[in-house]
Amino acid sequence: MRTFAFLPFAFVCAIALTGCKSAPPANVAATVNSRPITNEDVEKHFQLNFADAKSRPADDQMMIQKLEIVRTLIDNEIMLQRAEKLSLMATDADVEAKFNELKSGYTQEEFQKTLDARKMTVADLKAQLRRDMSVQKLINKEITSQISISDSQIAEFYNANKEAFNLAEPQIHLAQIVVTANSDPNVRNLKNDDATTEDQAKNKIQALDARLRQGEDFAMLAQNFSEDPQSAANGGDLGFIPQSALEQAGKDVRNMILQLPPGQITPKPIASQGSYRIFKVMSKEPAGQRELNDPKVQQRIRETLLNRRDQLLRAAYYEVARNEAKVQNFFAAKITESSSKK
């Protein structure tokens, strides 16, 4: 018995596994280099992203969504710690300037309503801005600033994809503002503004039309008020659309858009199947082959190559950062343990 009493503690634990396994810290979903990500952090992000879903997801589906959130929070924390290590954290002045930029254009009541809808306080928003801006400074320094695209790379891409620069028919670069008479939980405009009745929709689209004709910026109004979940965040931008695709909108709408010069909006809001739309023609491109010496072609290729390279280097950078970090995902471990006990 005396001999057993002096056995190393680790050996005793190896024999008596039950009771010697360390429990995860209370209320901690994961740690990154010992810094905690709490269960409240996970729940807050879950509510922000999925609280407006039309139906409650099944338990397994909900856990999958939360696992994805934990993984994202871990990655964000890894990047934030790297930014700290390289002294790239956003300053108070940076955060305040960005905060004031986001707040501009809102009344105090509108801004508070937006925060409430996202279940955030001003302090929450500023903390999020500091994290996002710091990580962006890190990415810019470590990745984006290291990428350069040569003229020979542009020429090589053009020669390999020359047919992609031959437009079979004229194309129109369009943007839109959409208002509907139905409530839609997927609406994510900056003002969190969503018409719910026919009268509200008519009044809203007429007010937006008037503001456009007074010279207000189309993209900003689209970001603030458009109810199209796909295009609102991009200022209503729909990209280039083949002229033949306009036939789906009907003859009158097609002719109206074709007659508009670049930079102009439709003469009046267009009503169609419970929605109202204002279109803006951004630019027009005739059919035919675009040559390499066209500045627009070069710019398009440069952006494509930059984005590809950025995605590759960013993915590799994240993998290396994960390998170098000490991560413990208690949330995932708990799910695995629960499954093994069934």
Protein backbone atom coordinates (compact mmCIF):
# COMPACT_ATOMS: atom_id res chain seq x y z
CA MET A 1 0.00 0.00 0.00
CA ARG A 2 2.87 2.36 0.81
CA THR A 3 4.44 1.61 -2.58
CA PHE A 4 1.18 2.43 -4.37
CA ALA A 5 0.89 5.69 -2.44
CA PHE A 6 4.15 6.89 -3.92
CA LEU A 7 3.29 6.04 -7.56
CA PRO A 8 3.34 9.11 -9.85
CA PHE A 9 0.01 10.92 -9.98
CA ALA A 10 -0.15 10.63 -13.79
CA PHE A 11 0.16 6.84 -13.51
CA VAL A 12 -2.64 6.72 -10.97
CA CYS A 13 -4.85 8.72 -13.34
CA ALA A 14 -3.96 6.40 -16.19
CA ILE A 15 -5.23 3.47 -14.11
CA ALA A 16 -8.28 5.26 -12.70
CA LEU A 17 -9.40 7.22 -15.75
CA THR A 18 -12.73 8.20 -14.27
CA GLY A 19 -12.45 11.23 -12.06
CA CYS A 20 -9.01 12.31 -13.33
CA LYS A 21 -10.09 13.78 -16.66
CA SER A 22 -10.09 17.57 -16.46
CA ALA A 23 -13.44 19.17 -17.16
CA PRO A 24 -13.65 22.14 -19.55
CA PRO A 25 -13.83 25.57 -17.91
CA ALA A 26 -17.34 26.66 -17.03
CA ASN A 27 -19.18 28.49 -19.82
CA VAL A 28 -16.26 28.13 -22.27
CA ALA A 29 -16.93 26.78 -25.77
CA ALA A 30 -13.30 26.89 -26.91
CA THR A 31 -9.92 28.38 -26.14
CA VAL A 32 -7.25 29.80 -28.44
CA ASN A 33 -3.86 29.92 -26.76
CA SER A 34 -5.76 29.79 -23.43
CA ARG A 35 -7.96 32.76 -24.33
CA PRO A 36 -11.63 31.75 -23.97
CA ILE A 37 -14.52 31.89 -26.41
CA THR A 38 -17.62 31.69 -24.26
CA ASN A 39 -20.91 29.91 -24.82
CA GLU A 40 -22.55 33.34 -24.68
CA ASP A 41 -20.41 34.43 -27.64
CA VAL A 42 -21.62 31.43 -29.62
CA GLU A 43 -25.26 31.96 -28.69
CA LYS A 44 -25.12 35.66 -29.52
CA HIS A 45 -23.77 34.95 -33.01
CA PHE A 46 -26.30 32.17 -33.51
CA GLN A 47 -29.19 34.48 -32.64
CA LEU A 48 -27.78 37.18 -34.91
CA ASN A 49 -27.55 34.85 -37.89
CA PHE A 50 -30.46 32.48 -37.43
CA ALA A 51 -33.01 34.04 -35.05
CA ASP A 52 -35.11 35.31 -37.97
CA ALA A 53 -35.42 31.90 -39.60
CA LYS A 54 -39.03 31.07 -40.46
CA SER A 55 -38.90 27.78 -38.56
CA ARG A 56 -36.73 26.49 -35.74
CA PRO A 57 -34.08 24.13 -37.14
CA ALA A 58 -33.94 20.53 -35.97
CA ASP A 59 -31.61 19.93 -33.03
CA ASP A 60 -28.89 18.30 -35.15
CA GLN A 61 -29.07 21.06 -37.74
CA MET A 62 -28.88 23.71 -35.02
CA MET A 63 -25.76 22.07 -33.56
CA ILE A 64 -24.16 21.97 -37.00
CA GLN A 65 -24.79 25.71 -37.33
CA LYS A 66 -23.30 26.35 -33.89
CA LEU A 67 -20.26 24.22 -34.71
CA GLU A 68 -19.67 26.42 -37.76
CA ILE A 69 -19.99 29.51 -35.58
CA VAL A 70 -17.46 28.13 -33.08
CA ARG A 71 -15.04 27.40 -35.93
CA THR A 72 -15.44 30.95 -37.27
CA LEU A 73 -14.93 32.47 -33.82
CA ILE A 74 -11.80 30.37 -33.36
CA ASP A 75 -10.39 31.55 -36.70
CA ASN A 76 -11.22 35.16 -35.86
CA GLU A 77 -9.51 34.85 -32.49
CA ILE A 78 -6.40 33.33 -34.07
CA MET A 79 -6.18 36.23 -36.50
CA LEU A 80 -6.84 38.80 -33.79
CA GLN A 81 -4.01 37.44 -31.66
CA ARG A 82 -1.70 37.61 -34.66
CA ALA A 83 -2.69 41.24 -35.19
CA GLU A 84 -1.91 41.95 -31.54
CA LYS A 85 1.48 40.26 -31.83
CA LEU A 86 2.37 42.38 -34.88
CA SER A 87 1.06 45.61 -33.28
CA LEU A 88 -1.62 45.97 -35.94
CA MET A 89 -4.59 46.54 -33.65
CA ALA A 90 -7.02 49.27 -34.72
CA THR A 91 -6.69 52.40 -32.61
CA ASP A 92 -9.48 54.14 -30.72
CA ALA A 93 -9.44 56.84 -33.40
CA ASP A 94 -9.83 54.20 -36.14
CA VAL A 95 -12.79 52.64 -34.36
CA GLU A 96 -14.47 55.94 -33.62
CA ALA A 97 -14.12 57.11 -37.22
CA LYS A 98 -15.64 53.88 -38.55
CA PHE A 99 -18.41 54.02 -35.96
CA ASN A 100 -19.33 57.57 -36.94
CA GLU A 101 -19.27 56.58 -40.61
CA LEU A 102 -21.75 53.75 -39.95
CA LYS A 103 -23.92 55.99 -37.81
CA SER A 104 -24.11 58.83 -40.33
CA GLY A 105 -27.39 59.04 -42.17
CA TYR A 106 -29.33 57.54 -39.26
CA THR A 107 -31.35 59.36 -36.68
CA GLN A 108 -30.53 58.32 -33.11
CA GLU A 109 -33.79 56.37 -32.99
CA GLU A 110 -33.08 54.57 -36.28
CA PHE A 111 -29.57 53.68 -35.20
CA GLN A 112 -30.77 52.28 -31.88
CA LYS A 113 -33.46 50.30 -33.68
CA THR A 114 -30.81 48.76 -35.91
CA LEU A 115 -28.67 47.81 -32.92
CA ASP A 116 -31.67 46.33 -31.13
CA ALA A 117 -32.54 44.24 -34.19
CA ARG A 118 -29.03 42.81 -34.13
CA LYS A 119 -29.15 42.36 -30.34
CA MET A 120 -26.10 44.59 -29.94
CA THR A 121 -25.10 47.52 -27.75
CA VAL A 122 -22.88 50.40 -28.83
CA ALA A 123 -20.04 48.77 -26.89
CA ASP A 124 -20.66 45.48 -28.72
CA LEU A 125 -20.54 47.21 -32.08
CA LYS A 126 -17.33 49.08 -31.29
CA ALA A 127 -15.69 45.88 -30.04
CA GLN A 128 -16.71 44.12 -33.25
CA LEU A 129 -15.37 47.01 -35.34
CA ARG A 130 -12.04 46.87 -33.51
CA ARG A 131 -11.73 43.13 -34.14
CA ASP A 132 -12.74 43.36 -37.80
CA MET A 133 -10.50 46.34 -38.56
CA SER A 134 -7.52 44.79 -36.78
CA VAL A 135 -7.85 41.52 -38.70
CA GLN A 136 -8.22 43.47 -41.95
CA LYS A 137 -4.99 45.37 -41.20
CA LEU A 138 -3.30 42.03 -40.63
CA ILE A 139 -4.60 40.59 -43.92
CA ASN A 140 -3.58 43.72 -45.81
CA LYS A 141 -0.03 43.62 -44.44
CA GLU A 142 0.58 39.88 -44.55
CA ILE A 143 -1.27 38.99 -47.76
CA THR A 144 -2.79 41.72 -49.94
CA SER A 145 0.26 44.00 -49.96
CA GLN A 146 2.45 41.06 -51.01
CA ILE A 147 0.50 40.37 -54.23
CA SER A 148 1.51 41.87 -57.56
CA ILE A 149 0.19 41.04 -61.01
CA SER A 150 2.51 41.54 -63.99
CA ASP A 151 1.57 42.58 -67.52
CA SER A 152 2.78 39.20 -68.78
CA GLN A 153 0.37 37.41 -66.42
CA ILE A 154 -2.48 39.55 -67.71
CA ALA A 155 -1.56 38.79 -71.32
CA GLU A 156 -1.26 35.07 -70.58
CA PHE A 157 -4.72 35.03 -68.98
CA TYR A 158 -6.22 36.96 -71.90
CA ASN A 159 -4.76 34.61 -74.51
CA ALA A 160 -6.02 31.56 -72.60
CA ASN A 161 -9.51 33.03 -72.18
CA LYS A 162 -9.89 35.23 -75.24
CA GLU A 163 -13.36 33.89 -76.04
CA ALA A 164 -14.61 35.14 -72.67
CA PHE A 165 -13.99 38.70 -73.88
CA ASN A 166 -16.07 38.27 -77.01
CA LEU A 167 -19.61 39.40 -76.22
CA ALA A 168 -22.15 37.52 -78.34
CA GLU A 169 -24.72 40.25 -77.71
CA PRO A 170 -24.91 43.69 -76.08
CA GLN A 171 -24.88 43.73 -72.29
CA ILE A 172 -26.24 46.24 -69.80
CA HIS A 173 -24.81 46.87 -66.34
CA LEU A 174 -27.87 47.36 -64.09
CA ALA A 175 -28.60 48.23 -60.48
CA GLN A 176 -31.97 48.14 -58.75
CA ILE A 177 -33.92 49.20 -55.68
CA VAL A 178 -36.71 46.80 -54.72
CA VAL A 179 -39.68 47.33 -52.39
CA THR A 180 -42.29 44.67 -51.66
CA ALA A 181 -45.62 44.70 -49.85
CA ASN A 182 -44.77 41.54 -47.90
CA SER A 183 -42.64 41.16 -44.79
CA ASP A 184 -39.47 39.19 -45.46
CA PRO A 185 -37.16 38.02 -42.62
CA ASN A 186 -34.29 37.81 -45.13
CA VAL A 187 -34.26 41.58 -45.73
CA ARG A 188 -30.90 42.92 -44.54
CA ASN A 189 -30.71 46.55 -45.62
CA LEU A 190 -28.76 48.93 -43.39
CA LYS A 191 -31.88 50.67 -42.08
CA ASN A 192 -33.62 47.37 -41.33
CA ASP A 193 -36.53 48.89 -43.27
CA ASP A 194 -39.17 46.51 -44.65
CA ALA A 195 -42.57 47.55 -46.03
CA THR A 196 -45.34 45.16 -44.96
CA THR A 197 -48.45 46.47 -46.75
CA GLU A 198 -49.35 47.67 -50.24
CA ASP A 199 -49.76 51.26 -49.05
CA GLN A 200 -46.41 51.21 -47.24
CA ALA A 201 -44.70 49.79 -50.31
CA LYS A 202 -46.17 52.44 -52.64
CA ASN A 203 -45.29 55.29 -50.30
CA LYS A 204 -41.78 53.96 -49.76
CA ILE A 205 -40.92 53.50 -53.45
CA GLN A 206 -42.34 56.93 -54.31
CA ALA A 207 -40.28 58.54 -51.54
CA LEU A 208 -37.12 56.79 -52.76
CA ASP A 209 -37.84 57.82 -56.35
CA ALA A 210 -38.18 61.43 -55.22
CA ARG A 211 -34.91 61.31 -53.30
CA LEU A 212 -33.10 59.91 -56.34
CA ARG A 213 -34.40 62.73 -58.51
CA GLN A 214 -33.12 65.19 -55.93
CA GLY A 215 -29.62 63.82 -56.50
CA GLU A 216 -29.15 61.32 -53.66
CA ASP A 217 -26.77 58.43 -54.32
CA PHE A 218 -28.44 55.35 -55.80
CA ALA A 219 -26.09 52.82 -54.19
CA MET A 220 -26.46 54.34 -50.73
CA LEU A 221 -30.26 54.36 -50.93
CA ALA A 222 -30.20 50.75 -52.14
CA GLN A 223 -27.98 49.70 -49.23
CA ASN A 224 -30.21 51.52 -46.75
CA PHE A 225 -33.67 50.65 -48.06
CA SER A 226 -33.78 48.06 -50.88
CA GLU A 227 -35.61 44.87 -49.90
CA ASP A 228 -33.78 42.54 -52.29
CA PRO A 229 -31.62 40.26 -50.08
CA GLN A 230 -29.21 39.46 -52.91
CA SER A 231 -28.37 42.95 -54.20
CA ALA A 232 -29.04 45.43 -51.37
CA ALA A 233 -25.66 44.97 -49.69
CA ASN A 234 -23.93 45.70 -53.03
CA GLY A 235 -25.78 48.95 -53.57
CA GLY A 236 -28.36 47.21 -55.77
CA ASP A 237 -25.69 46.12 -58.30
CA LEU A 238 -26.92 43.31 -60.58
CA GLY A 239 -23.80 43.15 -62.73
CA PHE A 240 -23.85 42.85 -66.54
CA ILE A 241 -27.00 41.36 -68.02
CA PRO A 242 -27.32 40.15 -71.64
CA GLN A 243 -29.79 42.25 -73.58
CA SER A 244 -31.89 39.18 -74.42
CA ALA A 245 -32.42 38.51 -70.70
CA LEU A 246 -34.43 41.72 -70.45
CA GLU A 247 -37.24 40.05 -72.39
CA GLN A 248 -38.19 38.25 -69.18
CA ALA A 249 -39.13 41.60 -67.67
CA GLY A 250 -41.71 42.27 -70.39
CA LYS A 251 -41.65 44.32 -73.56
CA ASP A 252 -42.43 47.69 -71.94
CA VAL A 253 -39.77 47.35 -69.23
CA ARG A 254 -37.22 46.04 -71.74
CA ASN A 255 -37.76 48.99 -74.08
CA MET A 256 -37.67 51.45 -71.19
CA ILE A 257 -34.28 50.15 -70.02
CA LEU A 258 -32.82 49.98 -73.52
CA GLN A 259 -33.70 53.62 -74.13
CA LEU A 260 -32.01 54.81 -70.94
CA PRO A 261 -28.51 56.29 -71.29
CA PRO A 262 -25.85 55.24 -68.76
CA GLY A 263 -26.25 56.96 -65.40
CA GLN A 264 -30.04 57.35 -65.66
CA ILE A 265 -32.86 55.68 -63.71
CA THR A 266 -36.20 54.43 -65.02
CA PRO A 267 -38.72 57.30 -65.52
CA LYS A 268 -40.99 55.87 -62.84
CA PRO A 269 -41.05 52.91 -60.43
CA ILE A 270 -42.05 49.65 -62.12
CA ALA A 271 -44.82 47.61 -60.50
CA SER A 272 -44.72 43.85 -61.00
CA GLN A 273 -46.28 40.97 -59.03
CA GLY A 274 -46.45 42.63 -55.64
CA SER A 275 -43.12 44.45 -55.90
CA TYR A 276 -41.87 47.85 -57.04
CA ARG A 277 -38.50 48.43 -58.68
CA ILE A 278 -36.34 51.33 -59.77
CA PHE A 279 -33.58 50.44 -62.22
CA LYS A 280 -30.42 52.37 -62.97
CA VAL A 281 -28.33 51.80 -66.08
CA MET A 282 -24.72 51.88 -64.95
CA SER A 283 -23.14 51.27 -68.36
CA LYS A 284 -23.66 49.51 -71.69
CA GLU A 285 -21.35 47.21 -73.61
CA PRO A 286 -21.82 46.50 -77.34
CA ALA A 287 -21.33 43.03 -78.80
CA GLY A 288 -17.96 42.00 -80.21
CA GLN A 289 -14.40 41.04 -79.27
CA ARG A 290 -12.64 43.06 -76.56
CA GLU A 291 -8.91 43.43 -77.18
CA LEU A 292 -6.10 43.18 -74.65
CA ASN A 293 -5.25 46.86 -75.01
CA ASP A 294 -8.70 47.81 -73.69
CA PRO A 295 -8.16 49.28 -70.16
CA LYS A 296 -11.43 47.68 -68.98
CA VAL A 297 -10.21 44.25 -70.10
CA GLN A 298 -6.90 44.70 -68.32
CA GLN A 299 -8.61 45.89 -65.15
CA ARG A 300 -11.04 42.95 -65.18
CA ILE A 301 -8.20 40.46 -65.62
CA ARG A 302 -6.07 42.13 -62.95
CA GLU A 303 -8.93 41.99 -60.44
CA THR A 304 -9.61 38.34 -61.29
CA LEU A 305 -5.98 37.34 -60.81
CA LEU A 306 -5.69 39.40 -57.62
CA ASN A 307 -8.79 37.78 -56.15
CA ARG A 308 -7.60 34.29 -57.03
CA ARG A 309 -4.18 34.87 -55.53
CA ASP A 310 -5.66 36.53 -52.47
CA GLN A 311 -8.00 33.59 -51.84
CA LEU A 312 -5.16 31.08 -52.20
CA LEU A 313 -2.74 32.94 -49.92
CA ARG A 314 -5.45 33.71 -47.38
CA ALA A 315 -6.50 30.04 -47.18
CA ALA A 316 -2.88 28.96 -46.74
CA TYR A 317 -2.24 31.69 -44.16
CA TYR A 318 -5.23 30.58 -42.09
CA GLU A 319 -4.08 26.94 -42.20
CA VAL A 320 -0.59 27.85 -41.01
CA ALA A 321 -2.02 30.06 -38.28
CA ARG A 322 -4.30 27.25 -37.08
CA ASN A 323 -1.35 24.83 -36.97
CA GLU A 324 0.67 27.25 -34.85
CA ALA A 325 -2.15 28.04 -32.40
CA LYS A 326 -3.13 25.91 -29.44
CA VAL A 327 -6.86 25.39 -29.87
CA GLN A 328 -9.24 23.44 -27.65
CA ASN A 329 -12.78 23.08 -28.99
CA PHE A 330 -14.78 22.03 -25.94
CA PHE A 331 -18.06 22.55 -27.78
CA ALA A 332 -17.18 19.94 -30.40
CA ALA A 333 -15.76 17.56 -27.78
CA LYS A 334 -18.98 17.75 -25.77
CA ILE A 335 -21.04 16.76 -28.84
CA THR A 336 -18.74 13.80 -29.49
CA GLU A 337 -18.93 12.65 -25.88
CA SER A 338 -22.72 12.93 -25.84
CA SER A 339 -22.96 10.83 -28.99
CA SER A 340 -20.73 8.06 -27.60
CA LYS A 341 -22.93 7.69 -24.52
CA LYS A 342 -26.11 7.00 -26.54
